[in-house]
Every structure is written in C-alpha cells, then in structure tokens.
PDB file of N, CA and C in Angstrom:
ATOM      1  N   MET A   1       0.855  -1.184   0.000  1.00  0.00           N
ATOM      2  CA  MET A   1       0.000   0.000   0.000  1.00  0.00           C
ATOM      3  C   MET A   1       0.890   1.232   0.000  1.00  0.00           C
ATOM      4  N   SER A   2       0.726   2.086  -0.985  1.00  0.00           N
ATOM      5  CA  SER A   2       1.578   3.267  -1.072  1.00  0.00           C
ATOM      6  C   SER A   2       1.025   4.448  -0.276  1.00  0.00           C
ATOM      7  N   TYR A   3      -0.289   4.540  -0.125  1.00  0.00           N
ATOM      8  CA  TYR A   3      -0.883   5.639   0.642  1.00  0.00           C
ATOM      9  C   TYR A   3      -1.108   5.173   2.069  1.00  0.00           C
ATOM     10  N   ARG A   4      -0.481   5.853   2.999  1.00  0.00           N
ATOM     11  CA  ARG A   4      -0.625   5.488   4.413  1.00  0.00           C
ATOM     12  C   ARG A   4      -0.589   6.745   5.262  1.00  0.00           C
ATOM     13  N   PRO A   5      -1.746   7.236   5.674  1.00  0.00           N
ATOM     14  CA  PRO A   5      -1.795   8.428   6.524  1.00  0.00           C
ATOM     15  C   PRO A   5      -1.097   8.187   7.860  1.00  0.00           C
ATOM     16  N   LYS A   6      -0.652   9.249   8.468  1.00  0.00           N
ATOM     17  CA  LYS A   6       0.056   9.164   9.750  1.00  0.00           C
ATOM     18  C   LYS A   6      -0.826   8.613  10.869  1.00  0.00           C
ATOM     19  N   TRP A   7      -2.121   8.785  10.777  1.00  0.00           N
ATOM     20  CA  TRP A   7      -3.024   8.360  11.848  1.00  0.00           C
ATOM     21  C   TRP A   7      -3.337   6.867  11.817  1.00  0.00           C
ATOM     22  N   VAL A   8      -2.874   6.159  10.800  1.00  0.00           N
ATOM     23  CA  VAL A   8      -3.137   4.720  10.705  1.00  0.00           C
ATOM     24  C   VAL A   8      -2.236   3.958  11.662  1.00  0.00           C
ATOM     25  N   ASP A   9      -2.864   3.073  12.433  1.00  0.00           N
ATOM     26  CA  ASP A   9      -2.110   2.202  13.339  1.00  0.00           C
ATOM     27  C   ASP A   9      -2.566   0.764  13.102  1.00  0.00           C
ATOM     28  N   ASP A  10      -2.100  -0.164  13.916  1.00  0.00           N
ATOM     29  CA  ASP A  10      -2.449  -1.575  13.730  1.00  0.00           C
ATOM     30  C   ASP A  10      -3.956  -1.815  13.814  1.00  0.00           C
ATOM     31  N   ASP A  11      -4.634  -1.081  14.692  1.00  0.00           N
ATOM     32  CA  ASP A  11      -6.085  -1.256  14.834  1.00  0.00           C
ATOM     33  C   ASP A  11      -6.819  -0.800  13.571  1.00  0.00           C
ATOM     34  N   VAL A  12      -6.375   0.313  12.993  1.00  0.00           N
ATOM     35  CA  VAL A  12      -6.990   0.800  11.758  1.00  0.00           C
ATOM     36  C   VAL A  12      -6.688  -0.173  10.616  1.00  0.00           C
ATOM     37  N   ASP A  13      -5.469  -0.672  10.565  1.00  0.00           N
ATOM     38  CA  ASP A  13      -5.124  -1.683   9.557  1.00  0.00           C
ATOM     39  C   ASP A  13      -6.062  -2.886   9.657  1.00  0.00           C
ATOM     40  N   PHE A  14      -6.340  -3.323  10.877  1.00  0.00           N
ATOM     41  CA  PHE A  14      -7.225  -4.472  11.081  1.00  0.00           C
ATOM     42  C   PHE A  14      -8.642  -4.152  10.603  1.00  0.00           C
ATOM     43  N   LEU A  15      -9.107  -2.937  10.866  1.00  0.00           N
ATOM     44  CA  LEU A  15     -10.426  -2.510  10.410  1.00  0.00           C
ATOM     45  C   LEU A  15     -10.486  -2.517   8.883  1.00  0.00           C
ATOM     46  N   VAL A  16      -9.472  -1.985   8.239  1.00  0.00           N
ATOM     47  CA  VAL A  16      -9.431  -1.961   6.775  1.00  0.00           C
ATOM     48  C   VAL A  16      -9.467  -3.379   6.221  1.00  0.00           C
ATOM     49  N   LYS A  17      -8.682  -4.264   6.815  1.00  0.00           N
ATOM     50  CA  LYS A  17      -8.671  -5.664   6.362  1.00  0.00           C
ATOM     51  C   LYS A  17     -10.036  -6.313   6.590  1.00  0.00           C
ATOM     52  N   ALA A  18     -10.687  -5.971   7.686  1.00  0.00           N
ATOM     53  CA  ALA A  18     -12.025  -6.510   7.959  1.00  0.00           C
ATOM     54  C   ALA A  18     -13.007  -6.071   6.880  1.00  0.00           C
ATOM     55  N   ILE A  19     -12.972  -4.813   6.516  1.00  0.00           N
ATOM     56  CA  ILE A  19     -13.873  -4.294   5.483  1.00  0.00           C
ATOM     57  C   ILE A  19     -13.581  -4.971   4.144  1.00  0.00           C
ATOM     58  N   LEU A  20     -12.323  -5.108   3.819  1.00  0.00           N
ATOM     59  CA  LEU A  20     -11.947  -5.738   2.555  1.00  0.00           C
ATOM     60  C   LEU A  20     -12.312  -7.220   2.506  1.00  0.00           C
ATOM     61  N   SER A  21     -12.483  -7.844   3.658  1.00  0.00           N
ATOM     62  CA  SER A  21     -12.828  -9.269   3.688  1.00  0.00           C
ATOM     63  C   SER A  21     -14.299  -9.526   3.378  1.00  0.00           C
ATOM     64  N   LEU A  22     -15.122  -8.494   3.426  1.00  0.00           N
ATOM     65  CA  LEU A  22     -16.559  -8.661   3.201  1.00  0.00           C
ATOM     66  C   LEU A  22     -16.838  -8.935   1.723  1.00  0.00           C
ATOM     67  N   LYS A  23     -17.739  -9.866   1.464  1.00  0.00           N
ATOM     68  CA  LYS A  23     -17.921 -10.364   0.102  1.00  0.00           C
ATOM     69  C   LYS A  23     -19.170  -9.856  -0.624  1.00  0.00           C
ATOM     70  N   ASN A  24     -20.146  -9.341   0.109  1.00  0.00           N
ATOM     71  CA  ASN A  24     -21.366  -8.888  -0.559  1.00  0.00           C
ATOM     72  C   ASN A  24     -22.093  -7.858   0.309  1.00  0.00           C
ATOM     73  N   GLU A  25     -23.179  -7.320  -0.241  1.00  0.00           N
ATOM     74  CA  GLU A  25     -23.920  -6.269   0.459  1.00  0.00           C
ATOM     75  C   GLU A  25     -24.453  -6.734   1.810  1.00  0.00           C
ATOM     76  N   GLU A  26     -24.955  -7.956   1.866  1.00  0.00           N
ATOM     77  CA  GLU A  26     -25.488  -8.457   3.131  1.00  0.00           C
ATOM     78  C   GLU A  26     -24.401  -8.488   4.203  1.00  0.00           C
ATOM     79  N   GLU A  27     -23.217  -8.965   3.862  1.00  0.00           N
ATOM     80  CA  GLU A  27     -22.118  -9.003   4.826  1.00  0.00           C
ATOM     81  C   GLU A  27     -21.742  -7.594   5.278  1.00  0.00           C
ATOM     82  N   VAL A  28     -21.733  -6.644   4.353  1.00  0.00           N
ATOM     83  CA  VAL A  28     -21.419  -5.254   4.711  1.00  0.00           C
ATOM     84  C   VAL A  28     -22.476  -4.703   5.652  1.00  0.00           C
ATOM     85  N   LEU A  29     -23.744  -4.942   5.339  1.00  0.00           N
ATOM     86  CA  LEU A  29     -24.823  -4.453   6.206  1.00  0.00           C
ATOM     87  C   LEU A  29     -24.735  -5.068   7.604  1.00  0.00           C
ATOM     88  N   ARG A  30     -24.462  -6.347   7.670  1.00  0.00           N
ATOM     89  CA  ARG A  30     -24.341  -7.010   8.975  1.00  0.00           C
ATOM     90  C   ARG A  30     -23.163  -6.435   9.768  1.00  0.00           C
ATOM     91  N   PHE A  31     -22.040  -6.218   9.086  1.00  0.00           N
ATOM     92  CA  PHE A  31     -20.868  -5.662   9.753  1.00  0.00           C
ATOM     93  C   PHE A  31     -21.137  -4.235  10.238  1.00  0.00           C
ATOM     94  N   LEU A  32     -21.725  -3.417   9.371  1.00  0.00           N
ATOM     95  CA  LEU A  32     -22.046  -2.043   9.773  1.00  0.00           C
ATOM     96  C   LEU A  32     -22.985  -2.026  10.972  1.00  0.00           C
ATOM     97  N   GLU A  33     -23.969  -2.893  10.953  1.00  0.00           N
ATOM     98  CA  GLU A  33     -24.931  -2.939  12.061  1.00  0.00           C
ATOM     99  C   GLU A  33     -24.255  -3.307  13.381  1.00  0.00           C
ATOM    100  N   ASP A  34     -23.249  -4.180  13.302  1.00  0.00           N
ATOM    101  CA  ASP A  34     -22.545  -4.599  14.516  1.00  0.00           C
ATOM    102  C   ASP A  34     -21.514  -3.583  14.995  1.00  0.00           C
ATOM    103  N   ILE A  35     -20.875  -2.877  14.070  1.00  0.00           N
ATOM    104  CA  ILE A  35     -19.747  -2.031  14.454  1.00  0.00           C
ATOM    105  C   ILE A  35     -20.137  -0.555  14.667  1.00  0.00           C
ATOM    106  N   CYS A  36     -21.249  -0.145  14.080  1.00  0.00           N
ATOM    107  CA  CYS A  36     -21.691   1.252  14.177  1.00  0.00           C
ATOM    108  C   CYS A  36     -23.077   1.335  14.801  1.00  0.00           C
ATOM    109  N   THR A  37     -23.368   2.500  15.361  1.00  0.00           N
ATOM    110  CA  THR A  37     -24.752   2.758  15.762  1.00  0.00           C
ATOM    111  C   THR A  37     -25.540   3.106  14.500  1.00  0.00           C
ATOM    112  N   ILE A  38     -26.850   3.023  14.591  1.00  0.00           N
ATOM    113  CA  ILE A  38     -27.692   3.402  13.449  1.00  0.00           C
ATOM    114  C   ILE A  38     -27.435   4.859  13.086  1.00  0.00           C
ATOM    115  N   ASN A  39     -27.273   5.721  14.092  1.00  0.00           N
ATOM    116  CA  ASN A  39     -26.990   7.142  13.823  1.00  0.00           C
ATOM    117  C   ASN A  39     -25.680   7.315  13.077  1.00  0.00           C
ATOM    118  N   GLU A  40     -24.650   6.560  13.440  1.00  0.00           N
ATOM    119  CA  GLU A  40     -23.358   6.660  12.749  1.00  0.00           C
ATOM    120  C   GLU A  40     -23.490   6.225  11.288  1.00  0.00           C
ATOM    121  N   ILE A  41     -24.238   5.162  11.055  1.00  0.00           N
ATOM    122  CA  ILE A  41     -24.453   4.702   9.682  1.00  0.00           C
ATOM    123  C   ILE A  41     -25.211   5.758   8.884  1.00  0.00           C
ATOM    124  N   GLU A  42     -26.230   6.349   9.497  1.00  0.00           N
ATOM    125  CA  GLU A  42     -27.011   7.394   8.827  1.00  0.00           C
ATOM    126  C   GLU A  42     -26.143   8.613   8.526  1.00  0.00           C
ATOM    127  N   GLU A  43     -25.254   8.986   9.453  1.00  0.00           N
ATOM    128  CA  GLU A  43     -24.362  10.126   9.231  1.00  0.00           C
ATOM    129  C   GLU A  43     -23.397   9.849   8.080  1.00  0.00           C
ATOM    130  N   LEU A  44     -22.831   8.649   8.038  1.00  0.00           N
ATOM    131  CA  LEU A  44     -21.933   8.287   6.942  1.00  0.00           C
ATOM    132  C   LEU A  44     -22.685   8.310   5.612  1.00  0.00           C
ATOM    133  N   SER A  45     -23.892   7.768   5.606  1.00  0.00           N
ATOM    134  CA  SER A  45     -24.712   7.750   4.394  1.00  0.00           C
ATOM    135  C   SER A  45     -25.022   9.164   3.925  1.00  0.00           C
ATOM    136  N   GLN A  46     -25.355  10.025   4.884  1.00  0.00           N
ATOM    137  CA  GLN A  46     -25.676  11.409   4.550  1.00  0.00           C
ATOM    138  C   GLN A  46     -24.459  12.102   3.929  1.00  0.00           C
ATOM    139  N   ARG A  47     -23.276  11.906   4.506  1.00  0.00           N
ATOM    140  CA  ARG A  47     -22.068  12.528   3.954  1.00  0.00           C
ATOM    141  C   ARG A  47     -21.799  12.062   2.533  1.00  0.00           C
ATOM    142  N   LEU A  48     -21.983  10.779   2.289  1.00  0.00           N
ATOM    143  CA  LEU A  48     -21.760  10.262   0.942  1.00  0.00           C
ATOM    144  C   LEU A  48     -22.786  10.842  -0.033  1.00  0.00           C
ATOM    145  N   LYS A  49     -24.029  10.971   0.406  1.00  0.00           N
ATOM    146  CA  LYS A  49     -25.055  11.571  -0.458  1.00  0.00           C
ATOM    147  C   LYS A  49     -24.721  13.030  -0.749  1.00  0.00           C
ATOM    148  N   VAL A  50     -24.259  13.752   0.271  1.00  0.00           N
ATOM    149  CA  VAL A  50     -23.845  15.142   0.081  1.00  0.00           C
ATOM    150  C   VAL A  50     -22.700  15.205  -0.939  1.00  0.00           C
ATOM    151  N   ALA A  51     -21.720  14.323  -0.791  1.00  0.00           N
ATOM    152  CA  ALA A  51     -20.586  14.298  -1.720  1.00  0.00           C
ATOM    153  C   ALA A  51     -21.064  14.029  -3.141  1.00  0.00           C
ATOM    154  N   LYS A  52     -21.990  13.094  -3.292  1.00  0.00           N
ATOM    155  CA  LYS A  52     -22.525  12.772  -4.624  1.00  0.00           C
ATOM    156  C   LYS A  52     -23.231  13.979  -5.227  1.00  0.00           C
ATOM    157  N   MET A  53     -24.025  14.654  -4.423  1.00  0.00           N
ATOM    158  CA  MET A  53     -24.754  15.818  -4.924  1.00  0.00           C
ATOM    159  C   MET A  53     -23.802  16.958  -5.281  1.00  0.00           C
ATOM    160  N   LEU A  54     -22.765  17.170  -4.478  1.00  0.00           N
ATOM    161  CA  LEU A  54     -21.752  18.179  -4.803  1.00  0.00           C
ATOM    162  C   LEU A  54     -21.053  17.806  -6.110  1.00  0.00           C
ATOM    163  N   TYR A  55     -20.708  16.552  -6.228  1.00  0.00           N
ATOM    164  CA  TYR A  55     -20.036  16.025  -7.414  1.00  0.00           C
ATOM    165  C   TYR A  55     -20.886  16.250  -8.665  1.00  0.00           C
ATOM    166  N   GLU A  56     -22.196  16.180  -8.490  1.00  0.00           N
ATOM    167  CA  GLU A  56     -23.134  16.395  -9.592  1.00  0.00           C
ATOM    168  C   GLU A  56     -23.433  17.876  -9.825  1.00  0.00           C
ATOM    169  N   GLY A  57     -22.821  18.755  -9.025  1.00  0.00           N
ATOM    170  CA  GLY A  57     -22.979  20.190  -9.228  1.00  0.00           C
ATOM    171  C   GLY A  57     -24.183  20.817  -8.564  1.00  0.00           C
ATOM    172  N   LYS A  58     -24.795  20.117  -7.613  1.00  0.00           N
ATOM    173  CA  LYS A  58     -25.965  20.665  -6.917  1.00  0.00           C
ATOM    174  C   LYS A  58     -25.542  21.800  -5.981  1.00  0.00           C
ATOM    175  N   SER A  59     -26.465  22.705  -5.716  1.00  0.00           N
ATOM    176  CA  SER A  59     -26.195  23.836  -4.831  1.00  0.00           C
ATOM    177  C   SER A  59     -26.344  23.424  -3.367  1.00  0.00           C
ATOM    178  N   TYR A  60     -25.744  24.237  -2.485  1.00  0.00           N
ATOM    179  CA  TYR A  60     -25.885  23.988  -1.045  1.00  0.00           C
ATOM    180  C   TYR A  60     -27.360  23.934  -0.669  1.00  0.00           C
ATOM    181  N   GLU A  61     -28.138  24.853  -1.238  1.00  0.00           N
ATOM    182  CA  GLU A  61     -29.567  24.928  -0.913  1.00  0.00           C
ATOM    183  C   GLU A  61     -30.280  23.637  -1.299  1.00  0.00           C
ATOM    184  N   GLU A  62     -30.006  23.122  -2.487  1.00  0.00           N
ATOM    185  CA  GLU A  62     -30.621  21.863  -2.926  1.00  0.00           C
ATOM    186  C   GLU A  62     -30.208  20.707  -2.008  1.00  0.00           C
ATOM    187  N   ILE A  63     -28.936  20.693  -1.649  1.00  0.00           N
ATOM    188  CA  ILE A  63     -28.408  19.613  -0.812  1.00  0.00           C
ATOM    189  C   ILE A  63     -29.019  19.662   0.580  1.00  0.00           C
ATOM    190  N   GLU A  64     -29.063  20.867   1.174  1.00  0.00           N
ATOM    191  CA  GLU A  64     -29.675  21.015   2.500  1.00  0.00           C
ATOM    192  C   GLU A  64     -31.119  20.529   2.482  1.00  0.00           C
ATOM    193  N   LYS A  65     -31.865  20.944   1.443  1.00  0.00           N
ATOM    194  CA  LYS A  65     -33.277  20.599   1.354  1.00  0.00           C
ATOM    195  C   LYS A  65     -33.476  19.085   1.221  1.00  0.00           C
ATOM    196  N   GLU A  66     -32.671  18.439   0.376  1.00  0.00           N
ATOM    197  CA  GLU A  66     -32.866  17.009   0.122  1.00  0.00           C
ATOM    198  C   GLU A  66     -32.303  16.113   1.214  1.00  0.00           C
ATOM    199  N   THR A  67     -31.181  16.529   1.825  1.00  0.00           N
ATOM    200  CA  THR A  67     -30.510  15.640   2.783  1.00  0.00           C
ATOM    201  C   THR A  67     -30.733  16.005   4.234  1.00  0.00           C
ATOM    202  N   GLY A  68     -31.071  17.272   4.483  1.00  0.00           N
ATOM    203  CA  GLY A  68     -31.180  17.736   5.865  1.00  0.00           C
ATOM    204  C   GLY A  68     -29.825  18.049   6.483  1.00  0.00           C
ATOM    205  N   ALA A  69     -28.762  17.965   5.686  1.00  0.00           N
ATOM    206  CA  ALA A  69     -27.418  18.264   6.186  1.00  0.00           C
ATOM    207  C   ALA A  69     -27.269  19.762   6.425  1.00  0.00           C
ATOM    208  N   SER A  70     -26.501  20.100   7.440  1.00  0.00           N
ATOM    209  CA  SER A  70     -26.242  21.511   7.719  1.00  0.00           C
ATOM    210  C   SER A  70     -25.243  22.065   6.705  1.00  0.00           C
ATOM    211  N   SER A  71     -25.195  23.380   6.589  1.00  0.00           N
ATOM    212  CA  SER A  71     -24.224  23.986   5.672  1.00  0.00           C
ATOM    213  C   SER A  71     -22.796  23.680   6.129  1.00  0.00           C
ATOM    214  N   ALA A  72     -22.598  23.525   7.435  1.00  0.00           N
ATOM    215  CA  ALA A  72     -21.265  23.168   7.945  1.00  0.00           C
ATOM    216  C   ALA A  72     -20.860  21.775   7.468  1.00  0.00           C
ATOM    217  N   THR A  73     -21.790  20.833   7.510  1.00  0.00           N
ATOM    218  CA  THR A  73     -21.502  19.478   7.034  1.00  0.00           C
ATOM    219  C   THR A  73     -21.224  19.494   5.534  1.00  0.00           C
ATOM    220  N   ILE A  74     -22.030  20.209   4.789  1.00  0.00           N
ATOM    221  CA  ILE A  74     -21.838  20.296   3.342  1.00  0.00           C
ATOM    222  C   ILE A  74     -20.473  20.897   3.024  1.00  0.00           C
ATOM    223  N   SER A  75     -20.122  21.950   3.738  1.00  0.00           N
ATOM    224  CA  SER A  75     -18.829  22.598   3.533  1.00  0.00           C
ATOM    225  C   SER A  75     -17.674  21.654   3.849  1.00  0.00           C
ATOM    226  N   ARG A  76     -17.798  20.915   4.926  1.00  0.00           N
ATOM    227  CA  ARG A  76     -16.755  19.964   5.333  1.00  0.00           C
ATOM    228  C   ARG A  76     -16.597  18.861   4.283  1.00  0.00           C
ATOM    229  N   VAL A  77     -17.726  18.334   3.811  1.00  0.00           N
ATOM    230  CA  VAL A  77     -17.677  17.289   2.788  1.00  0.00           C
ATOM    231  C   VAL A  77     -17.054  17.850   1.509  1.00  0.00           C
ATOM    232  N   LYS A  78     -17.430  19.064   1.141  1.00  0.00           N
ATOM    233  CA  LYS A  78     -16.878  19.690  -0.072  1.00  0.00           C
ATOM    234  C   LYS A  78     -15.365  19.833   0.034  1.00  0.00           C
ATOM    235  N   LYS A  79     -14.902  20.219   1.206  1.00  0.00           N
ATOM    236  CA  LYS A  79     -13.456  20.361   1.422  1.00  0.00           C
ATOM    237  C   LYS A  79     -12.747  19.041   1.147  1.00  0.00           C
ATOM    238  N   PHE A  80     -13.274  17.939   1.692  1.00  0.00           N
ATOM    239  CA  PHE A  80     -12.632  16.645   1.499  1.00  0.00           C
ATOM    240  C   PHE A  80     -12.848  16.096   0.096  1.00  0.00           C
ATOM    241  N   LEU A  81     -13.983  16.407  -0.518  1.00  0.00           N
ATOM    242  CA  LEU A  81     -14.244  15.963  -1.882  1.00  0.00           C
ATOM    243  C   LEU A  81     -13.219  16.562  -2.846  1.00  0.00           C
ATOM    244  N   TYR A  82     -12.896  17.833  -2.663  1.00  0.00           N
ATOM    245  CA  TYR A  82     -12.008  18.519  -3.607  1.00  0.00           C
ATOM    246  C   TYR A  82     -10.555  18.629  -3.153  1.00  0.00           C
ATOM    247  N   TYR A  83     -10.302  18.544  -1.852  1.00  0.00           N
ATOM    248  CA  TYR A  83      -8.930  18.726  -1.367  1.00  0.00           C
ATOM    249  C   TYR A  83      -8.460  17.602  -0.449  1.00  0.00           C
ATOM    250  N   GLY A  84      -9.229  16.540  -0.361  1.00  0.00           N
ATOM    251  CA  GLY A  84      -8.896  15.430   0.532  1.00  0.00           C
ATOM    252  C   GLY A  84      -8.028  14.386  -0.156  1.00  0.00           C
ATOM    253  N   ALA A  85      -8.157  13.169   0.306  1.00  0.00           N
ATOM    254  CA  ALA A  85      -7.313  12.062  -0.158  1.00  0.00           C
ATOM    255  C   ALA A  85      -7.913  11.329  -1.360  1.00  0.00           C
ATOM    256  N   ASP A  86      -8.945  11.881  -1.978  1.00  0.00           N
ATOM    257  CA  ASP A  86      -9.615  11.332  -3.161  1.00  0.00           C
ATOM    258  C   ASP A  86     -10.445  10.076  -2.885  1.00  0.00           C
ATOM    259  N   GLY A  87     -10.753   9.822  -1.626  1.00  0.00           N
ATOM    260  CA  GLY A  87     -11.607   8.684  -1.296  1.00  0.00           C
ATOM    261  C   GLY A  87     -13.010   8.845  -1.856  1.00  0.00           C
ATOM    262  N   TYR A  88     -13.607  10.020  -1.657  1.00  0.00           N
ATOM    263  CA  TYR A  88     -14.942  10.265  -2.202  1.00  0.00           C
ATOM    264  C   TYR A  88     -14.916  10.124  -3.726  1.00  0.00           C
ATOM    265  N   LYS A  89     -13.937  10.751  -4.370  1.00  0.00           N
ATOM    266  CA  LYS A  89     -13.874  10.717  -5.836  1.00  0.00           C
ATOM    267  C   LYS A  89     -13.745   9.294  -6.359  1.00  0.00           C
ATOM    268  N   THR A  90     -12.932   8.488  -5.711  1.00  0.00           N
ATOM    269  CA  THR A  90     -12.749   7.105  -6.145  1.00  0.00           C
ATOM    270  C   THR A  90     -14.080   6.359  -6.105  1.00  0.00           C
ATOM    271  N   VAL A  91     -14.767   6.461  -4.985  1.00  0.00           N
ATOM    272  CA  VAL A  91     -16.041   5.766  -4.818  1.00  0.00           C
ATOM    273  C   VAL A  91     -17.088   6.310  -5.788  1.00  0.00           C
ATOM    274  N   LEU A  92     -17.200   7.621  -5.879  1.00  0.00           N
ATOM    275  CA  LEU A  92     -18.224   8.212  -6.741  1.00  0.00           C
ATOM    276  C   LEU A  92     -17.965   7.907  -8.205  1.00  0.00           C
ATOM    277  N   ASP A  93     -16.721   7.968  -8.644  1.00  0.00           N
ATOM    278  CA  ASP A  93     -16.401   7.613 -10.028  1.00  0.00           C
ATOM    279  C   ASP A  93     -16.857   6.193 -10.329  1.00  0.00           C
ATOM    280  N   ARG A  94     -16.568   5.279  -9.431  1.00  0.00           N
ATOM    281  CA  ARG A  94     -16.920   3.874  -9.652  1.00  0.00           C
ATOM    282  C   ARG A  94     -18.427   3.652  -9.616  1.00  0.00           C
ATOM    283  N   LEU A  95     -19.106   4.265  -8.662  1.00  0.00           N
ATOM    284  CA  LEU A  95     -20.549   4.059  -8.543  1.00  0.00           C
ATOM    285  C   LEU A  95     -21.321   4.736  -9.675  1.00  0.00           C
ATOM    286  N   ILE A  96     -20.891   5.907 -10.078  1.00  0.00           N
ATOM    287  CA  ILE A  96     -21.585   6.624 -11.143  1.00  0.00           C
ATOM    288  C   ILE A  96     -21.389   5.904 -12.484  1.00  0.00           C
ATOM    289  N   LYS A  97     -20.224   5.304 -12.701  1.00  0.00           N
ATOM    290  CA  LYS A  97     -20.008   4.511 -13.919  1.00  0.00           C
ATOM    291  C   LYS A  97     -20.980   3.341 -13.967  1.00  0.00           C
ATOM    292  N   LYS A  98     -21.217   2.688 -12.802  1.00  0.00           N
ATOM    293  CA  LYS A  98     -22.145   1.559 -12.738  1.00  0.00           C
ATOM    294  C   LYS A  98     -23.579   2.001 -13.052  1.00  0.00           C
ATOM    295  N   GLU A  99     -23.940   3.205 -12.569  1.00  0.00           N
ATOM    296  CA  GLU A  99     -25.295   3.717 -12.792  1.00  0.00           C
ATOM    297  C   GLU A  99     -25.528   4.037 -14.260  1.00  0.00           C
ATOM    298  N   GLY A 100     -24.488   4.612 -14.895  1.00  0.00           N
ATOM    299  CA  GLY A 100     -24.625   5.097 -16.273  1.00  0.00           C
ATOM    300  C   GLY A 100     -24.446   4.073 -17.266  1.00  0.00           C
TER     301      GLY A 100
END
C-alpha cells in the first residue's frame, strides 16, 4: 500500500482488512450494524449523499433541502471531496459509472 496516513495504526489496519474481507452487500450491512450505531451509519450515508450531490454540481440549498445536512456538514464534505485524499472521488467515479 503506497498511501498510508500518519493516523493509521495496527487497529486501523485491522479494520481496513475486515472491510476488505466482506464479500457482498449483506455481509457489509451485517458488519455495519454490529460495528456502528444506526446514527453513525445514517451520518456516513448522509455525507456520501452530500458528496454525490456536490459532485453532480448541486447547490448547497438543494443539498440542505434534500438531505437535511447543515451547511457546515456540506462545507466539510466539499473540502474533502475537492482537497482530501480522493476517497470520495474514487467511490463516486466507480458508482456513477455503474449507474450510467
């Protein structure tokens, strides 16, 4: 692995390997349900939806209305979407290709 942030430790490595070991949607859902609270899953989902809408060129107003996300959350997601480690872009590129 060539990309390794400074905050990664053995526990984070184990989490990444756990996620990569999952084979289908059901396994991912079961793992998320066990490792996260429902609120945490909803927050992660909301951030990804915000990122997708930003990626599609939607306005803050449209995003707030559709997702219920605060302008602070939208701004934070936008910062990472455009200046982060390209995690959002990687996922969105792959998912949008599948949709189209």
